[in-house]
Amino acid sequence: MVVLVLGMLTCVATGGVVLGYVAREARREEREFWTPEGERLIADARRRSDELRQRSDELRHRVGAGAERVRARRLTSPGDGGGVAHHGEGEGHRAV
């Protein structure tokens, strides 16, 4: 089993070395490494990642604002302990 895993890792490493060599040689000769379709896929992925980053920032701000409102409500609510139930209090518990 160990030999099989080592063989697979060797194949992956060899593929990475070959890919790096081909990419470096293409850059040296000032050729494009990616096909036009590959370039389009990369551009789409970058655009989508930018959109997701913007959406996650908006969501983070909305969640932060909502958390602030909840904290403010808890601080201004009547002396009920901020809605936190303590052990031994409330329905279904009896004093021993």
Protein backbone atom coordinates (compact mmCIF):
# COMPACT_ATOMS: atom_id res chain seq x y z
CA MET A 1 0.00 0.00 0.00
CA VAL A 2 2.84 2.37 0.86
CA VAL A 3 4.48 1.63 -2.50
CA LEU A 4 1.23 2.44 -4.30
CA VAL A 5 0.85 5.79 -2.51
CA LEU A 6 4.49 6.68 -3.14
CA GLY A 7 4.06 5.77 -6.82
CA MET A 8 1.01 8.05 -7.11
CA LEU A 9 2.81 10.91 -5.38
CA THR A 10 5.77 10.46 -7.72
CA CYS A 11 3.45 10.63 -10.75
CA VAL A 12 1.78 13.80 -9.47
CA ALA A 13 5.13 15.43 -8.71
CA THR A 14 6.48 14.50 -12.15
CA GLY A 15 3.38 15.97 -13.81
CA GLY A 16 3.82 19.20 -11.85
CA VAL A 17 7.47 19.46 -12.87
CA VAL A 18 6.62 18.89 -16.54
CA LEU A 19 3.81 21.46 -16.42
CA GLY A 20 6.10 24.01 -14.79
CA TYR A 21 8.82 23.39 -17.38
CA VAL A 22 6.42 23.79 -20.31
CA ALA A 23 4.90 26.96 -18.84
CA ARG A 24 8.35 28.46 -18.22
CA GLU A 25 9.52 27.70 -21.75
CA ALA A 26 6.36 29.21 -23.23
CA ARG A 27 6.96 32.40 -21.24
CA ARG A 28 10.56 32.59 -22.39
CA GLU A 29 9.48 32.37 -26.02
CA GLU A 30 6.72 34.91 -25.30
CA ARG A 31 4.04 32.46 -26.37
CA GLU A 32 0.69 32.18 -24.72
CA PHE A 33 0.49 29.21 -22.40
CA TRP A 34 -3.28 29.12 -22.14
CA THR A 35 -5.64 28.61 -25.07
CA PRO A 36 -8.23 31.35 -25.73
CA GLU A 37 -10.83 29.14 -24.03
CA GLY A 38 -8.55 28.73 -21.01
CA GLU A 39 -8.04 32.50 -20.84
CA ARG A 40 -11.82 32.99 -20.90
CA LEU A 41 -12.29 30.43 -18.12
CA ILE A 42 -9.68 32.16 -15.98
CA ALA A 43 -11.29 35.56 -16.58
CA ASP A 44 -14.71 34.14 -15.64
CA ALA A 45 -13.31 32.59 -12.48
CA ARG A 46 -11.69 35.88 -11.47
CA ARG A 47 -14.91 37.78 -12.15
CA ARG A 48 -16.94 35.29 -10.10
CA SER A 49 -14.47 35.39 -7.24
CA ASP A 50 -14.67 39.21 -7.20
CA GLU A 51 -18.48 39.03 -7.13
CA LEU A 52 -18.40 36.48 -4.30
CA ARG A 53 -15.96 38.64 -2.35
CA GLN A 54 -18.27 41.64 -2.69
CA ARG A 55 -21.31 39.61 -1.66
CA SER A 56 -19.49 38.17 1.36
CA ASP A 57 -18.42 41.68 2.43
CA GLU A 58 -22.03 42.89 2.17
CA LEU A 59 -23.26 39.88 4.14
CA ARG A 60 -20.61 40.42 6.82
CA HIS A 61 -21.67 44.05 7.22
CA ARG A 62 -25.38 43.11 7.41
CA VAL A 63 -24.71 40.41 10.00
CA GLY A 64 -22.55 42.80 12.01
CA ALA A 65 -25.28 45.46 11.96
CA GLY A 66 -27.89 42.87 13.01
CA ALA A 67 -25.70 41.70 15.87
CA GLU A 68 -25.27 45.28 17.05
CA ARG A 69 -29.07 45.77 17.04
CA VAL A 70 -29.53 42.57 19.07
CA ARG A 71 -26.88 43.67 21.58
CA ALA A 72 -28.50 47.11 21.88
CA ARG A 73 -31.93 45.52 22.48
CA ARG A 74 -30.55 43.24 25.16
CA LEU A 75 -28.86 46.13 26.93
CA THR A 76 -32.04 48.24 26.93
CA SER A 77 -34.48 45.43 27.81
CA PRO A 78 -36.02 45.43 31.33
CA GLY A 79 -34.07 43.64 34.05
CA ASP A 80 -34.81 40.13 32.86
CA GLY A 81 -31.15 39.26 32.68
CA GLY A 82 -30.94 39.95 28.97
CA GLY A 83 -33.02 36.95 28.06
CA VAL A 84 -30.48 34.51 29.46
CA ALA A 85 -32.00 31.68 31.49
CA HIS A 86 -29.97 30.66 34.51
CA HIS A 87 -29.76 27.09 35.70
CA GLY A 88 -32.52 26.30 38.14
CA GLU A 89 -34.84 29.14 37.08
CA GLY A 90 -37.93 29.07 34.92
CA GLU A 91 -40.68 26.59 34.32
CA GLY A 92 -40.18 22.95 35.06
CA HIS A 93 -37.59 23.50 37.79
CA ARG A 94 -38.29 23.30 41.47
CA ALA A 95 -36.22 24.49 44.33
CA VAL A 96 -34.80 21.67 46.38
